[in-house]
Amino acid sequence: MVGHPNMEEVVMLIKTALDIDGVMKYKPTLPRGEKLVGVAGSGKKGHKTFNISTPACLVASAAGVYVAKPGSTATSSISGSKDFLNTVGARPLSSDDMIEVLLSTKFGM
């Protein structure tokens, strides 16, 4: 890529990275016309804040949006997405089980 990448180059870069990572085999089949929104919060703002992207994802999924969110424990904030979900009682699942949860609740992590 010389200069600014175009949309096709960016999409190909993302697809290649996901293919190398092996996550494409876990791509859920959504109902016709539905889209899957991916949300990632980075934390690391220099302030000891709590995780807000995960509750925002839960609100969006409750409003009818399919949301997938990667997550981890806190690195610089008070809580990361995994910390938040552990606190509310959610437990880690296999990728196949998480797809079932995503399809039934519209939220997956």
N, C-alpha and C. Protein backbone atom coordinates (compact mmCIF):
# COMPACT_ATOMS: atom_id res chain seq x y z
N MET A 1 0.84 -1.17 0.00
CA MET A 1 0.00 0.00 0.00
C MET A 1 0.89 1.24 0.00
N VAL A 2 0.79 1.98 -1.04
CA VAL A 2 1.50 3.25 -1.13
C VAL A 2 0.46 4.35 -0.99
N GLY A 3 0.74 5.32 -0.14
CA GLY A 3 -0.23 6.38 0.08
C GLY A 3 -1.32 5.91 1.01
N HIS A 4 -2.52 6.41 0.79
CA HIS A 4 -3.66 6.06 1.65
C HIS A 4 -4.32 4.78 1.13
N PRO A 5 -4.59 3.82 2.01
CA PRO A 5 -5.24 2.59 1.55
C PRO A 5 -6.69 2.85 1.17
N ASN A 6 -7.15 2.12 0.16
CA ASN A 6 -8.57 2.22 -0.19
C ASN A 6 -9.35 1.17 0.60
N MET A 7 -10.66 1.20 0.48
CA MET A 7 -11.49 0.30 1.28
C MET A 7 -11.19 -1.17 0.99
N GLU A 8 -10.99 -1.52 -0.26
CA GLU A 8 -10.71 -2.92 -0.60
C GLU A 8 -9.42 -3.40 0.05
N GLU A 9 -8.40 -2.55 0.09
CA GLU A 9 -7.13 -2.93 0.72
C GLU A 9 -7.30 -3.12 2.23
N VAL A 10 -8.06 -2.26 2.86
CA VAL A 10 -8.29 -2.38 4.30
C VAL A 10 -9.07 -3.66 4.60
N VAL A 11 -10.12 -3.92 3.83
CA VAL A 11 -10.92 -5.13 4.03
C VAL A 11 -10.06 -6.37 3.84
N MET A 12 -9.22 -6.40 2.82
CA MET A 12 -8.35 -7.55 2.58
C MET A 12 -7.35 -7.73 3.72
N LEU A 13 -6.82 -6.65 4.24
CA LEU A 13 -5.90 -6.72 5.37
C LEU A 13 -6.59 -7.33 6.59
N ILE A 14 -7.79 -6.88 6.88
CA ILE A 14 -8.53 -7.41 8.03
C ILE A 14 -8.88 -8.88 7.81
N LYS A 15 -9.37 -9.24 6.63
CA LYS A 15 -9.71 -10.64 6.35
C LYS A 15 -8.48 -11.54 6.46
N THR A 16 -7.34 -11.07 5.98
CA THR A 16 -6.11 -11.85 6.07
C THR A 16 -5.70 -12.06 7.51
N ALA A 17 -5.75 -10.99 8.31
CA ALA A 17 -5.39 -11.10 9.72
C ALA A 17 -6.31 -12.07 10.45
N LEU A 18 -7.61 -11.99 10.18
CA LEU A 18 -8.56 -12.89 10.82
C LEU A 18 -8.37 -14.33 10.35
N ASP A 19 -8.01 -14.51 9.08
CA ASP A 19 -7.77 -15.86 8.56
C ASP A 19 -6.54 -16.47 9.22
N ILE A 20 -5.48 -15.69 9.35
CA ILE A 20 -4.26 -16.17 10.01
C ILE A 20 -4.55 -16.52 11.46
N ASP A 21 -5.38 -15.72 12.10
CA ASP A 21 -5.72 -15.93 13.51
C ASP A 21 -6.68 -17.10 13.71
N GLY A 22 -7.32 -17.55 12.64
CA GLY A 22 -8.22 -18.70 12.72
C GLY A 22 -9.62 -18.41 13.23
N VAL A 23 -10.00 -17.14 13.29
CA VAL A 23 -11.31 -16.81 13.84
C VAL A 23 -12.44 -16.87 12.81
N MET A 24 -12.13 -16.89 11.53
CA MET A 24 -13.18 -16.87 10.52
C MET A 24 -14.06 -18.13 10.57
N LYS A 25 -13.53 -19.23 11.10
CA LYS A 25 -14.36 -20.43 11.20
C LYS A 25 -15.47 -20.26 12.22
N TYR A 26 -15.39 -19.21 13.03
CA TYR A 26 -16.41 -18.94 14.04
C TYR A 26 -17.36 -17.83 13.62
N LYS A 27 -17.41 -17.51 12.35
CA LYS A 27 -18.28 -16.45 11.87
C LYS A 27 -19.74 -16.90 11.98
N PRO A 28 -20.55 -16.19 12.78
CA PRO A 28 -21.95 -16.61 12.95
C PRO A 28 -22.80 -16.27 11.73
N THR A 29 -23.82 -17.07 11.49
CA THR A 29 -24.78 -16.79 10.44
C THR A 29 -25.97 -16.08 11.08
N LEU A 30 -26.11 -14.81 10.77
CA LEU A 30 -27.17 -13.99 11.36
C LEU A 30 -28.43 -14.06 10.51
N PRO A 31 -29.57 -13.71 11.11
CA PRO A 31 -30.79 -13.64 10.31
C PRO A 31 -30.62 -12.67 9.14
N ARG A 32 -31.35 -12.92 8.08
CA ARG A 32 -31.25 -12.11 6.86
C ARG A 32 -31.37 -10.62 7.17
N GLY A 33 -30.43 -9.86 6.64
CA GLY A 33 -30.46 -8.41 6.78
C GLY A 33 -29.82 -7.87 8.04
N GLU A 34 -29.50 -8.75 8.99
CA GLU A 34 -28.88 -8.29 10.24
C GLU A 34 -27.38 -8.12 10.06
N LYS A 35 -26.82 -7.17 10.76
CA LYS A 35 -25.38 -6.91 10.75
C LYS A 35 -24.81 -7.20 12.13
N LEU A 36 -23.53 -7.52 12.17
CA LEU A 36 -22.83 -7.74 13.43
C LEU A 36 -21.88 -6.58 13.65
N VAL A 37 -22.04 -5.90 14.78
CA VAL A 37 -21.19 -4.77 15.12
C VAL A 37 -20.08 -5.26 16.05
N GLY A 38 -18.86 -4.92 15.73
CA GLY A 38 -17.73 -5.26 16.59
C GLY A 38 -17.31 -4.03 17.37
N VAL A 39 -17.13 -4.18 18.67
CA VAL A 39 -16.76 -3.06 19.54
C VAL A 39 -15.54 -3.44 20.35
N ALA A 40 -14.55 -2.57 20.38
CA ALA A 40 -13.37 -2.80 21.20
C ALA A 40 -13.04 -1.53 21.96
N GLY A 41 -12.95 -1.63 23.26
CA GLY A 41 -12.51 -0.51 24.08
C GLY A 41 -11.05 -0.71 24.41
N SER A 42 -10.29 0.35 24.38
CA SER A 42 -8.85 0.21 24.60
C SER A 42 -8.39 0.57 26.00
N GLY A 43 -9.23 1.26 26.77
CA GLY A 43 -8.76 1.70 28.08
C GLY A 43 -7.54 2.59 27.90
N LYS A 44 -6.60 2.47 28.80
CA LYS A 44 -5.29 3.14 28.69
C LYS A 44 -5.38 4.65 28.45
N LYS A 45 -6.31 5.31 29.09
CA LYS A 45 -6.46 6.75 28.90
C LYS A 45 -5.66 7.56 29.91
N GLY A 46 -4.97 6.88 30.81
CA GLY A 46 -4.22 7.59 31.82
C GLY A 46 -5.03 7.90 33.06
N HIS A 47 -6.31 7.51 33.03
CA HIS A 47 -7.19 7.72 34.18
C HIS A 47 -7.66 6.36 34.67
N LYS A 48 -7.86 6.23 35.96
CA LYS A 48 -8.35 4.97 36.53
C LYS A 48 -9.87 4.93 36.40
N THR A 49 -10.34 4.60 35.20
CA THR A 49 -11.77 4.54 34.93
C THR A 49 -12.24 3.09 34.95
N PHE A 50 -13.54 2.90 34.95
CA PHE A 50 -14.09 1.54 34.86
C PHE A 50 -14.47 1.26 33.41
N ASN A 51 -14.66 0.01 33.10
CA ASN A 51 -15.00 -0.41 31.75
C ASN A 51 -16.39 0.10 31.38
N ILE A 52 -16.49 0.85 30.31
CA ILE A 52 -17.78 1.38 29.86
C ILE A 52 -18.22 0.78 28.53
N SER A 53 -17.27 0.28 27.73
CA SER A 53 -17.65 -0.25 26.42
C SER A 53 -18.50 -1.51 26.53
N THR A 54 -18.25 -2.35 27.53
CA THR A 54 -19.04 -3.57 27.68
C THR A 54 -20.48 -3.27 28.08
N PRO A 55 -20.73 -2.42 29.09
CA PRO A 55 -22.13 -2.07 29.37
C PRO A 55 -22.81 -1.41 28.16
N ALA A 56 -22.07 -0.60 27.41
CA ALA A 56 -22.65 0.03 26.22
C ALA A 56 -23.05 -1.03 25.19
N CYS A 57 -22.24 -2.08 25.06
CA CYS A 57 -22.58 -3.18 24.16
C CYS A 57 -23.83 -3.91 24.62
N LEU A 58 -23.97 -4.09 25.92
CA LEU A 58 -25.16 -4.76 26.45
C LEU A 58 -26.42 -3.93 26.18
N VAL A 59 -26.31 -2.62 26.30
CA VAL A 59 -27.45 -1.74 26.00
C VAL A 59 -27.80 -1.85 24.51
N ALA A 60 -26.78 -1.82 23.65
CA ALA A 60 -27.02 -1.92 22.21
C ALA A 60 -27.67 -3.26 21.85
N SER A 61 -27.19 -4.35 22.45
CA SER A 61 -27.79 -5.65 22.14
C SER A 61 -29.23 -5.73 22.68
N ALA A 62 -29.49 -5.13 23.83
CA ALA A 62 -30.85 -5.10 24.36
C ALA A 62 -31.78 -4.30 23.44
N ALA A 63 -31.21 -3.35 22.71
CA ALA A 63 -31.99 -2.54 21.76
C ALA A 63 -32.14 -3.24 20.41
N GLY A 64 -31.55 -4.44 20.26
CA GLY A 64 -31.76 -5.21 19.04
C GLY A 64 -30.57 -5.33 18.11
N VAL A 65 -29.41 -4.82 18.49
CA VAL A 65 -28.22 -4.87 17.65
C VAL A 65 -27.38 -6.09 18.03
N TYR A 66 -26.92 -6.85 17.04
CA TYR A 66 -25.99 -7.94 17.30
C TYR A 66 -24.61 -7.33 17.55
N VAL A 67 -24.01 -7.64 18.69
CA VAL A 67 -22.74 -7.04 19.08
C VAL A 67 -21.75 -8.13 19.49
N ALA A 68 -20.55 -8.07 18.92
CA ALA A 68 -19.45 -8.96 19.32
C ALA A 68 -18.34 -8.09 19.89
N LYS A 69 -17.79 -8.51 21.00
CA LYS A 69 -16.78 -7.70 21.67
C LYS A 69 -15.63 -8.58 22.15
N PRO A 70 -14.41 -8.25 21.73
CA PRO A 70 -13.27 -8.94 22.34
C PRO A 70 -13.07 -8.40 23.75
N GLY A 71 -12.39 -9.13 24.58
CA GLY A 71 -12.23 -8.63 25.94
C GLY A 71 -11.00 -9.16 26.64
N SER A 72 -10.63 -8.44 27.69
CA SER A 72 -9.50 -8.85 28.51
C SER A 72 -9.66 -8.25 29.90
N THR A 73 -8.77 -8.64 30.77
CA THR A 73 -8.76 -8.05 32.11
C THR A 73 -8.12 -6.67 32.03
N ALA A 74 -8.26 -5.90 33.08
CA ALA A 74 -7.73 -4.53 33.11
C ALA A 74 -6.22 -4.52 32.96
N THR A 75 -5.72 -3.57 32.20
CA THR A 75 -4.28 -3.35 32.12
C THR A 75 -3.89 -2.03 32.76
N SER A 76 -4.73 -1.03 32.61
CA SER A 76 -4.41 0.27 33.20
C SER A 76 -5.61 0.91 33.90
N SER A 77 -6.79 0.36 33.68
CA SER A 77 -7.99 0.94 34.29
C SER A 77 -8.39 0.13 35.52
N ILE A 78 -9.51 0.47 36.09
CA ILE A 78 -10.02 -0.26 37.26
C ILE A 78 -10.56 -1.62 36.84
N SER A 79 -11.22 -1.68 35.69
CA SER A 79 -11.76 -2.96 35.23
C SER A 79 -11.75 -3.04 33.72
N GLY A 80 -11.40 -4.22 33.22
CA GLY A 80 -11.51 -4.50 31.80
C GLY A 80 -12.83 -5.21 31.55
N SER A 81 -13.08 -5.55 30.29
CA SER A 81 -14.36 -6.17 29.96
C SER A 81 -14.53 -7.53 30.63
N LYS A 82 -13.47 -8.33 30.70
CA LYS A 82 -13.59 -9.63 31.38
C LYS A 82 -13.83 -9.44 32.87
N ASP A 83 -13.19 -8.44 33.47
CA ASP A 83 -13.43 -8.15 34.89
C ASP A 83 -14.90 -7.80 35.12
N PHE A 84 -15.43 -6.94 34.25
CA PHE A 84 -16.83 -6.53 34.37
C PHE A 84 -17.76 -7.73 34.27
N LEU A 85 -17.56 -8.56 33.24
CA LEU A 85 -18.46 -9.71 33.05
C LEU A 85 -18.32 -10.73 34.16
N ASN A 86 -17.12 -10.94 34.69
CA ASN A 86 -16.95 -11.84 35.83
C ASN A 86 -17.71 -11.32 37.04
N THR A 87 -17.69 -10.00 37.24
CA THR A 87 -18.38 -9.39 38.38
C THR A 87 -19.88 -9.61 38.31
N VAL A 88 -20.44 -9.56 37.10
CA VAL A 88 -21.89 -9.76 36.97
C VAL A 88 -22.27 -11.23 36.80
N GLY A 89 -21.29 -12.12 36.90
CA GLY A 89 -21.57 -13.55 36.91
C GLY A 89 -21.42 -14.29 35.60
N ALA A 90 -20.99 -13.62 34.54
CA ALA A 90 -20.77 -14.30 33.26
C ALA A 90 -19.47 -15.09 33.32
N ARG A 91 -19.46 -16.23 32.70
CA ARG A 91 -18.28 -17.08 32.70
C ARG A 91 -17.82 -17.35 31.27
N PRO A 92 -16.52 -17.59 31.08
CA PRO A 92 -16.00 -17.85 29.73
C PRO A 92 -16.65 -19.09 29.10
N LEU A 93 -16.87 -19.05 27.80
CA LEU A 93 -17.44 -20.16 27.05
C LEU A 93 -16.54 -20.49 25.88
N SER A 94 -16.73 -21.66 25.31
CA SER A 94 -16.02 -22.00 24.08
C SER A 94 -16.54 -21.11 22.96
N SER A 95 -15.80 -21.01 21.87
CA SER A 95 -16.22 -20.18 20.74
C SER A 95 -17.55 -20.66 20.17
N ASP A 96 -17.73 -21.98 20.05
CA ASP A 96 -18.99 -22.51 19.52
C ASP A 96 -20.17 -22.16 20.44
N ASP A 97 -19.97 -22.30 21.75
CA ASP A 97 -21.03 -21.95 22.69
C ASP A 97 -21.33 -20.45 22.67
N MET A 98 -20.28 -19.64 22.50
CA MET A 98 -20.49 -18.19 22.48
C MET A 98 -21.29 -17.77 21.25
N ILE A 99 -21.11 -18.46 20.14
CA ILE A 99 -21.92 -18.14 18.96
C ILE A 99 -23.39 -18.40 19.25
N GLU A 100 -23.69 -19.49 19.95
CA GLU A 100 -25.08 -19.77 20.33
C GLU A 100 -25.62 -18.66 21.24
N VAL A 101 -24.80 -18.19 22.18
CA VAL A 101 -25.21 -17.10 23.07
C VAL A 101 -25.45 -15.83 22.26
N LEU A 102 -24.53 -15.53 21.34
CA LEU A 102 -24.68 -14.34 20.49
C LEU A 102 -25.99 -14.39 19.71
N LEU A 103 -26.30 -15.53 19.13
CA LEU A 103 -27.52 -15.63 18.32
C LEU A 103 -28.79 -15.53 19.16
N SER A 104 -28.73 -15.97 20.42
CA SER A 104 -29.93 -15.91 21.25
C SER A 104 -30.07 -14.62 22.04
N THR A 105 -28.94 -13.96 22.37
CA THR A 105 -29.01 -12.74 23.19
C THR A 105 -28.59 -11.48 22.44
N LYS A 106 -27.99 -11.66 21.28
CA LYS A 106 -27.44 -10.57 20.46
C LYS A 106 -26.17 -9.96 21.06
N PHE A 107 -25.57 -10.63 22.04
CA PHE A 107 -24.28 -10.17 22.60
C PHE A 107 -23.36 -11.36 22.75
N GLY A 108 -22.13 -11.18 22.28
CA GLY A 108 -21.13 -12.23 22.44
C GLY A 108 -19.77 -11.64 22.69
N MET A 109 -18.99 -12.35 23.50
CA MET A 109 -17.64 -11.88 23.81
C MET A 109 -16.69 -13.06 23.83
